[in-house]
Amino acid sequence: MERPTTAASSNRKLIDLENELKNEKKCSKKLLDEVDALKKEIHKQNFSSFTQNTSEVSVSDGRLPLVPGVREITLDDLQFGE
């Protein structure tokens, strides 16, 4: 015959579940932080693939170096509506 559940055992189960939830939230936060760090690293790598070194980026005229297969669009190429 099964023993009836006592208040103490129910409280213990509740505490265990709350602790397990806290641990899962910590793990989830760590994983989300890792994903953000990886996204930033990929962004840096993608940008650096356009430039082999920092001297190729002109800060004074705000231009990136020419990228093969990518056409530069000037303001004259654009049409703005209302």
Protein backbone atom coordinates (compact mmCIF):
# COMPACT_ATOMS: atom_id res chain seq x y z
CA MET A 1 0.00 0.00 0.00
CA GLU A 2 1.27 3.48 -0.92
CA ARG A 3 2.09 5.91 1.84
CA PRO A 4 0.09 9.13 1.89
CA THR A 5 1.91 12.29 0.87
CA THR A 6 2.81 14.46 3.80
CA ALA A 7 3.10 18.22 3.84
CA ALA A 8 6.82 17.92 4.52
CA SER A 9 7.44 15.67 1.52
CA SER A 10 5.33 17.96 -0.70
CA ASN A 11 7.33 20.97 0.47
CA ARG A 12 10.59 19.11 -0.17
CA LYS A 13 9.46 18.26 -3.72
CA LEU A 14 8.49 21.89 -4.29
CA ILE A 15 11.86 23.13 -3.05
CA ASP A 16 13.67 20.58 -5.25
CA LEU A 17 11.66 21.67 -8.30
CA GLU A 18 12.33 25.35 -7.59
CA ASN A 19 16.07 24.64 -7.30
CA GLU A 20 16.00 22.66 -10.53
CA LEU A 21 14.22 25.57 -12.25
CA LYS A 22 16.86 28.02 -10.99
CA ASN A 23 19.63 25.79 -12.33
CA GLU A 24 17.89 25.50 -15.71
CA LYS A 25 17.51 29.29 -15.89
CA LYS A 26 21.24 29.71 -15.15
CA CYS A 27 22.11 27.23 -17.89
CA SER A 28 19.74 28.95 -20.29
CA LYS A 29 21.30 32.35 -19.52
CA LYS A 30 24.79 30.97 -20.09
CA LEU A 31 23.74 29.50 -23.44
CA LEU A 32 22.08 32.75 -24.53
CA ASP A 33 25.23 34.66 -23.57
CA GLU A 34 27.31 32.21 -25.63
CA VAL A 35 24.99 32.66 -28.61
CA ASP A 36 25.32 36.46 -28.34
CA ALA A 37 29.10 36.19 -28.14
CA LEU A 38 29.17 33.90 -31.18
CA LYS A 39 26.92 36.28 -33.14
CA LYS A 40 29.29 39.15 -32.34
CA GLU A 41 32.28 37.07 -33.41
CA ILE A 42 30.59 36.12 -36.70
CA HIS A 43 29.75 39.78 -37.31
CA LYS A 44 33.41 40.73 -36.73
CA GLN A 45 34.59 37.96 -39.06
CA ASN A 46 32.11 39.00 -41.76
CA PHE A 47 33.29 42.60 -41.54
CA SER A 48 36.93 41.60 -41.53
CA SER A 49 36.35 39.51 -44.66
CA PHE A 50 35.67 42.81 -46.48
CA THR A 51 38.93 44.25 -45.26
CA GLN A 52 42.23 42.46 -45.01
CA ASN A 53 43.59 45.18 -42.75
CA THR A 54 42.31 48.34 -41.13
CA SER A 55 44.14 50.62 -43.55
CA GLU A 56 41.64 49.59 -46.24
CA VAL A 57 38.80 51.33 -44.44
CA SER A 58 38.68 55.07 -45.03
CA VAL A 59 37.28 56.83 -42.01
CA SER A 60 37.56 60.25 -43.63
CA ASP A 61 35.22 59.49 -46.54
CA GLY A 62 33.25 56.70 -44.81
CA ARG A 63 33.94 54.08 -47.47
CA LEU A 64 34.75 50.42 -47.32
CA PRO A 65 37.10 48.97 -49.92
CA LEU A 66 35.68 47.65 -53.16
CA VAL A 67 34.26 44.16 -52.84
CA PRO A 68 34.26 41.98 -55.96
CA GLY A 69 30.71 41.37 -57.17
CA VAL A 70 29.19 44.17 -55.08
CA ARG A 71 28.18 47.41 -56.78
CA GLU A 72 28.37 50.70 -54.90
CA ILE A 73 25.13 52.66 -54.87
CA THR A 74 25.35 56.45 -54.84
CA LEU A 75 22.66 58.81 -53.63
CA ASP A 76 21.98 59.70 -57.27
CA ASP A 77 21.00 56.05 -57.85
CA LEU A 78 18.24 56.29 -55.26
CA GLN A 79 14.75 57.76 -55.57
CA PHE A 80 12.87 58.82 -52.47
CA GLY A 81 9.10 59.25 -52.31
CA GLU A 82 7.06 61.35 -49.94
